[in-house]
Each structure stands twice: as structure tokens, then as C-alpha cells.
Amino acid sequence: MPLSEFDMIAKYFRDASPHRADTILAIGDDAALIRVDEGKQLDTVLLQWLAGVDYEPAAPGADTGRRLLAQAISELEAQMVKPAWMTLSLSFEHLDETWLDQFSRGLLDLAEQHQIQLIGGDSSRGPDTLRLHLMGTSTINQMA
């Protein structure tokens, strides 16, 4: 029996993600609620990696997960923003659970080091594509 979206979330992502006090509602629902302190603004970066273009499906999943998040962290930190939350969208023609297990471990191990909580996402069947939306906060007008 194929793995359902909710089973995939429970098995590979929900419990392994760090938890933050500023997250009111996180992964497992179709929405997330996060608290942004007064005087702060939300800063975001979105990455989309296509198999065979941006990553090699034959590469170890843990390496791919770490690289995806590391690139997003680098892009936010270049703007002097500390990452806090992420959403993840995955699309696969054929789900390889061994690769997905490794991918989730690499991604979430790095997330734990930076205290980045996975707060939601989506999955679908289609061309192998990884989408990561990373968010953090900065002081209002810090970027202006």
C-alpha cells in the first residue's frame, strides 16, 4: 500500500522537527500559525530544486536534505536574518522511502542545529521536485 501524505508526515517529519515556543500551530494541518514579535518583520526565501537539474536523485538523500536547507540558510543569513521556520513541498513520480528517510534525517539534523521548525508543507505525485520555504525575522526596516 502506498504511503499516504499524513503517514509520510508522521513517519518522516512531524516528531523529528525541532519545536519552537513561537509556533502556535505547526505541521499536520493545512495551515501554520507563528507569532512574530512586535517590531519584527517576516523575511523569506523559497528554493525549488528539480531532479537532474538542481540535485541528483542518485546522491545520498541525507546530503541532499542538508544541502537544500544549507543553501536557504545561507541566503537568509546573507540578509542578516536568523532562520526560524520552514515549509517543505515534495513531489515524486515514485516515492523511494529509503531515500526519503535519509533526506528527512539530513534536513532535520541541520534544522535542529539551527533551531528551525518545520511548520508545514505539501506533497504530490509528479516530477521529482523539492521546494523549501525558509522564514525568519528581522527588525522592521533592517533591510531598507
C-alpha atoms as a PDB file:
ATOM      1  CA  MET A   1       0.000   0.000   0.000  1.00  0.00           C
ATOM      2  CA  PRO A   2       1.443   3.408  -0.936  1.00  0.00           C
ATOM      3  CA  LEU A   3       2.337   5.766   1.874  1.00  0.00           C
ATOM      4  CA  SER A   4      -0.336   8.449   2.371  1.00  0.00           C
ATOM      5  CA  GLU A   5       0.613  12.101   2.818  1.00  0.00           C
ATOM      6  CA  PHE A   6      -0.357  12.031   6.510  1.00  0.00           C
ATOM      7  CA  ASP A   7       1.565   8.787   7.081  1.00  0.00           C
ATOM      8  CA  MET A   8       4.632  10.316   5.389  1.00  0.00           C
ATOM      9  CA  ILE A   9       4.409  13.424   7.605  1.00  0.00           C
ATOM     10  CA  ALA A  10       4.069  11.331  10.755  1.00  0.00           C
ATOM     11  CA  LYS A  11       6.801   8.853   9.832  1.00  0.00           C
ATOM     12  CA  TYR A  12       9.496  11.172   8.488  1.00  0.00           C
ATOM     13  CA  PHE A  13       8.894  14.743   9.626  1.00  0.00           C
ATOM     14  CA  ARG A  14       6.500  15.623  12.497  1.00  0.00           C
ATOM     15  CA  ASP A  15       8.298  14.273  15.540  1.00  0.00           C
ATOM     16  CA  ALA A  16      11.829  14.796  14.200  1.00  0.00           C
ATOM     17  CA  SER A  17      11.452  18.553  13.684  1.00  0.00           C
ATOM     18  CA  PRO A  18      12.590  20.917  16.434  1.00  0.00           C
ATOM     19  CA  HIS A  19       9.759  22.672  18.274  1.00  0.00           C
ATOM     20  CA  ARG A  20       9.758  26.419  18.934  1.00  0.00           C
ATOM     21  CA  ALA A  21       7.803  28.385  21.555  1.00  0.00           C
ATOM     22  CA  ASP A  22       6.773  30.967  18.926  1.00  0.00           C
ATOM     23  CA  THR A  23       4.952  28.331  16.859  1.00  0.00           C
ATOM     24  CA  ILE A  24       1.284  28.105  17.758  1.00  0.00           C
ATOM     25  CA  LEU A  25       0.162  25.551  15.140  1.00  0.00           C
ATOM     26  CA  ALA A  26       2.571  23.508  13.055  1.00  0.00           C
ATOM     27  CA  ILE A  27       2.907  20.512  10.786  1.00  0.00           C
ATOM     28  CA  GLY A  28      -0.051  18.194  10.449  1.00  0.00           C
ATOM     29  CA  ASP A  29      -2.649  20.770   9.489  1.00  0.00           C
ATOM     30  CA  ASP A  30      -3.137  22.666   6.245  1.00  0.00           C
ATOM     31  CA  ALA A  31      -2.112  25.876   7.973  1.00  0.00           C
ATOM     32  CA  ALA A  32       0.530  27.078  10.393  1.00  0.00           C
ATOM     33  CA  LEU A  33       0.408  29.865  12.937  1.00  0.00           C
ATOM     34  CA  ILE A  34       3.558  31.590  14.109  1.00  0.00           C
ATOM     35  CA  ARG A  35       3.953  34.516  16.459  1.00  0.00           C
ATOM     36  CA  VAL A  36       6.131  37.385  15.243  1.00  0.00           C
ATOM     37  CA  ASP A  37       7.201  39.777  17.970  1.00  0.00           C
ATOM     38  CA  GLU A  38       6.248  43.439  17.788  1.00  0.00           C
ATOM     39  CA  GLY A  39       8.847  45.468  15.930  1.00  0.00           C
ATOM     40  CA  LYS A  40       9.836  42.495  13.767  1.00  0.00           C
ATOM     41  CA  GLN A  41       9.166  41.676  10.117  1.00  0.00           C
ATOM     42  CA  LEU A  42       8.958  38.304   8.409  1.00  0.00           C
ATOM     43  CA  ASP A  43      11.728  37.569   5.883  1.00  0.00           C
ATOM     44  CA  THR A  44      11.505  34.616   3.485  1.00  0.00           C
ATOM     45  CA  VAL A  45      13.401  32.684   0.844  1.00  0.00           C
ATOM     46  CA  LEU A  46      11.956  29.969  -1.405  1.00  0.00           C
ATOM     47  CA  LEU A  47      14.047  27.317  -3.155  1.00  0.00           C
ATOM     48  CA  GLN A  48      12.862  24.830  -5.766  1.00  0.00           C
ATOM     49  CA  TRP A  49      15.164  22.019  -6.840  1.00  0.00           C
ATOM     50  CA  LEU A  50      14.357  19.810  -9.813  1.00  0.00           C
ATOM     51  CA  ALA A  51      15.792  16.293 -10.035  1.00  0.00           C
ATOM     52  CA  GLY A  52      18.567  16.041 -12.594  1.00  0.00           C
ATOM     53  CA  VAL A  53      18.913  19.846 -12.716  1.00  0.00           C
ATOM     54  CA  ASP A  54      19.459  21.065  -9.151  1.00  0.00           C
ATOM     55  CA  TYR A  55      20.111  17.733  -7.418  1.00  0.00           C
ATOM     56  CA  GLU A  56      20.910  14.186  -8.432  1.00  0.00           C
ATOM     57  CA  PRO A  57      18.344  11.624  -7.267  1.00  0.00           C
ATOM     58  CA  ALA A  58      21.138   9.029  -7.026  1.00  0.00           C
ATOM     59  CA  ALA A  59      23.013  11.188  -4.487  1.00  0.00           C
ATOM     60  CA  PRO A  60      22.574  10.226  -0.833  1.00  0.00           C
ATOM     61  CA  GLY A  61      19.298  11.637   0.468  1.00  0.00           C
ATOM     62  CA  ALA A  62      20.886  12.969   3.674  1.00  0.00           C
ATOM     63  CA  ASP A  63      23.375  15.030   1.654  1.00  0.00           C
ATOM     64  CA  THR A  64      20.571  16.437  -0.498  1.00  0.00           C
ATOM     65  CA  GLY A  65      18.482  17.384   2.543  1.00  0.00           C
ATOM     66  CA  ARG A  66      21.413  19.125   4.222  1.00  0.00           C
ATOM     67  CA  ARG A  67      22.438  20.956   1.019  1.00  0.00           C
ATOM     68  CA  LEU A  68      18.898  22.185   0.334  1.00  0.00           C
ATOM     69  CA  LEU A  69      18.483  23.663   3.803  1.00  0.00           C
ATOM     70  CA  ALA A  70      22.076  24.968   3.930  1.00  0.00           C
ATOM     71  CA  GLN A  71      21.538  26.953   0.733  1.00  0.00           C
ATOM     72  CA  ALA A  72      18.333  28.506   2.090  1.00  0.00           C
ATOM     73  CA  ILE A  73      20.028  29.329   5.421  1.00  0.00           C
ATOM     74  CA  SER A  74      22.891  30.972   3.567  1.00  0.00           C
ATOM     75  CA  GLU A  75      20.509  33.135   1.558  1.00  0.00           C
ATOM     76  CA  LEU A  76      18.650  34.354   4.659  1.00  0.00           C
ATOM     77  CA  GLU A  77      21.786  34.878   6.711  1.00  0.00           C
ATOM     78  CA  ALA A  78      23.282  36.963   3.876  1.00  0.00           C
ATOM     79  CA  GLN A  79      20.428  39.369   4.638  1.00  0.00           C
ATOM     80  CA  MET A  80      21.278  39.281   8.387  1.00  0.00           C
ATOM     81  CA  VAL A  81      18.173  37.184   9.137  1.00  0.00           C
ATOM     82  CA  LYS A  82      18.165  34.294  11.612  1.00  0.00           C
ATOM     83  CA  PRO A  83      16.093  31.419  10.185  1.00  0.00           C
ATOM     84  CA  ALA A  84      13.269  30.122  12.372  1.00  0.00           C
ATOM     85  CA  TRP A  85      10.608  28.206  10.380  1.00  0.00           C
ATOM     86  CA  MET A  86      10.333  26.276   7.149  1.00  0.00           C
ATOM     87  CA  THR A  87       7.745  24.611   4.975  1.00  0.00           C
ATOM     88  CA  LEU A  88       8.580  21.732   2.654  1.00  0.00           C
ATOM     89  CA  SER A  89       6.826  20.625  -0.502  1.00  0.00           C
ATOM     90  CA  LEU A  90       7.808  17.355  -2.150  1.00  0.00           C
ATOM     91  CA  SER A  91       6.774  15.923  -5.482  1.00  0.00           C
ATOM     92  CA  PHE A  92       7.848  12.442  -6.617  1.00  0.00           C
ATOM     93  CA  GLU A  93       6.962  10.249  -9.595  1.00  0.00           C
ATOM     94  CA  HIS A  94       7.755   7.186  -7.459  1.00  0.00           C
ATOM     95  CA  LEU A  95       8.406   7.532  -3.739  1.00  0.00           C
ATOM     96  CA  ASP A  96      11.631   5.867  -2.555  1.00  0.00           C
ATOM     97  CA  GLU A  97      11.113   5.598   1.202  1.00  0.00           C
ATOM     98  CA  THR A  98      14.754   4.756   1.893  1.00  0.00           C
ATOM     99  CA  TRP A  99      15.881   7.944   0.119  1.00  0.00           C
ATOM    100  CA  LEU A 100      13.106   9.959   1.830  1.00  0.00           C
ATOM    101  CA  ASP A 101      14.153   8.655   5.250  1.00  0.00           C
ATOM    102  CA  GLN A 102      17.757   9.746   4.603  1.00  0.00           C
ATOM    103  CA  PHE A 103      16.616  13.093   3.145  1.00  0.00           C
ATOM    104  CA  SER A 104      14.453  13.873   6.187  1.00  0.00           C
ATOM    105  CA  ARG A 105      17.292  12.979   8.574  1.00  0.00           C
ATOM    106  CA  GLY A 106      19.805  15.216   6.789  1.00  0.00           C
ATOM    107  CA  LEU A 107      17.346  18.097   6.530  1.00  0.00           C
ATOM    108  CA  LEU A 108      16.087  17.862  10.109  1.00  0.00           C
ATOM    109  CA  ASP A 109      19.533  17.289  11.649  1.00  0.00           C
ATOM    110  CA  LEU A 110      20.627  20.641  10.188  1.00  0.00           C
ATOM    111  CA  ALA A 111      17.300  22.195  11.204  1.00  0.00           C
ATOM    112  CA  GLU A 112      17.915  21.050  14.794  1.00  0.00           C
ATOM    113  CA  GLN A 113      21.371  22.672  14.793  1.00  0.00           C
ATOM    114  CA  HIS A 114      19.797  26.000  13.764  1.00  0.00           C
ATOM    115  CA  GLN A 115      16.528  25.593  15.739  1.00  0.00           C
ATOM    116  CA  ILE A 116      14.420  25.783  12.568  1.00  0.00           C
ATOM    117  CA  GLN A 117      10.976  24.234  12.952  1.00  0.00           C
ATOM    118  CA  LEU A 118       9.209  22.507  10.082  1.00  0.00           C
ATOM    119  CA  ILE A 119       5.724  24.026  10.273  1.00  0.00           C
ATOM    120  CA  GLY A 120       4.027  22.544   7.222  1.00  0.00           C
ATOM    121  CA  GLY A 121       4.168  21.782   3.547  1.00  0.00           C
ATOM    122  CA  ASP A 122       2.631  19.606   0.912  1.00  0.00           C
ATOM    123  CA  SER A 123       3.318  16.517  -1.158  1.00  0.00           C
ATOM    124  CA  SER A 124       2.141  15.380  -4.551  1.00  0.00           C
ATOM    125  CA  ARG A 125       2.829  12.929  -7.313  1.00  0.00           C
ATOM    126  CA  GLY A 126       4.682  14.419 -10.237  1.00  0.00           C
ATOM    127  CA  PRO A 127       8.170  15.309 -11.461  1.00  0.00           C
ATOM    128  CA  ASP A 128      10.706  14.882  -8.656  1.00  0.00           C
ATOM    129  CA  THR A 129      10.866  18.353  -7.115  1.00  0.00           C
ATOM    130  CA  LEU A 130      11.938  19.664  -3.701  1.00  0.00           C
ATOM    131  CA  ARG A 131      10.611  23.048  -2.533  1.00  0.00           C
ATOM    132  CA  LEU A 132      11.778  24.646   0.698  1.00  0.00           C
ATOM    133  CA  HIS A 133      10.383  27.907   2.040  1.00  0.00           C
ATOM    134  CA  LEU A 134      12.547  29.249   4.862  1.00  0.00           C
ATOM    135  CA  MET A 135      11.434  32.118   7.089  1.00  0.00           C
ATOM    136  CA  GLY A 136      12.930  34.220   9.833  1.00  0.00           C
ATOM    137  CA  THR A 137      12.514  37.629  11.367  1.00  0.00           C
ATOM    138  CA  SER A 138      14.483  40.820  11.438  1.00  0.00           C
ATOM    139  CA  THR A 139      13.947  44.225  12.957  1.00  0.00           C
ATOM    140  CA  ILE A 140      11.474  46.290  10.939  1.00  0.00           C
ATOM    141  CA  ASN A 141      13.275  48.337   8.283  1.00  0.00           C
ATOM    142  CA  GLN A 142      16.536  46.460   8.901  1.00  0.00           C
ATOM    143  CA  MET A 143      16.572  45.588   5.188  1.00  0.00           C
ATOM    144  CA  ALA A 144      15.516  49.042   3.934  1.00  0.00           C
END
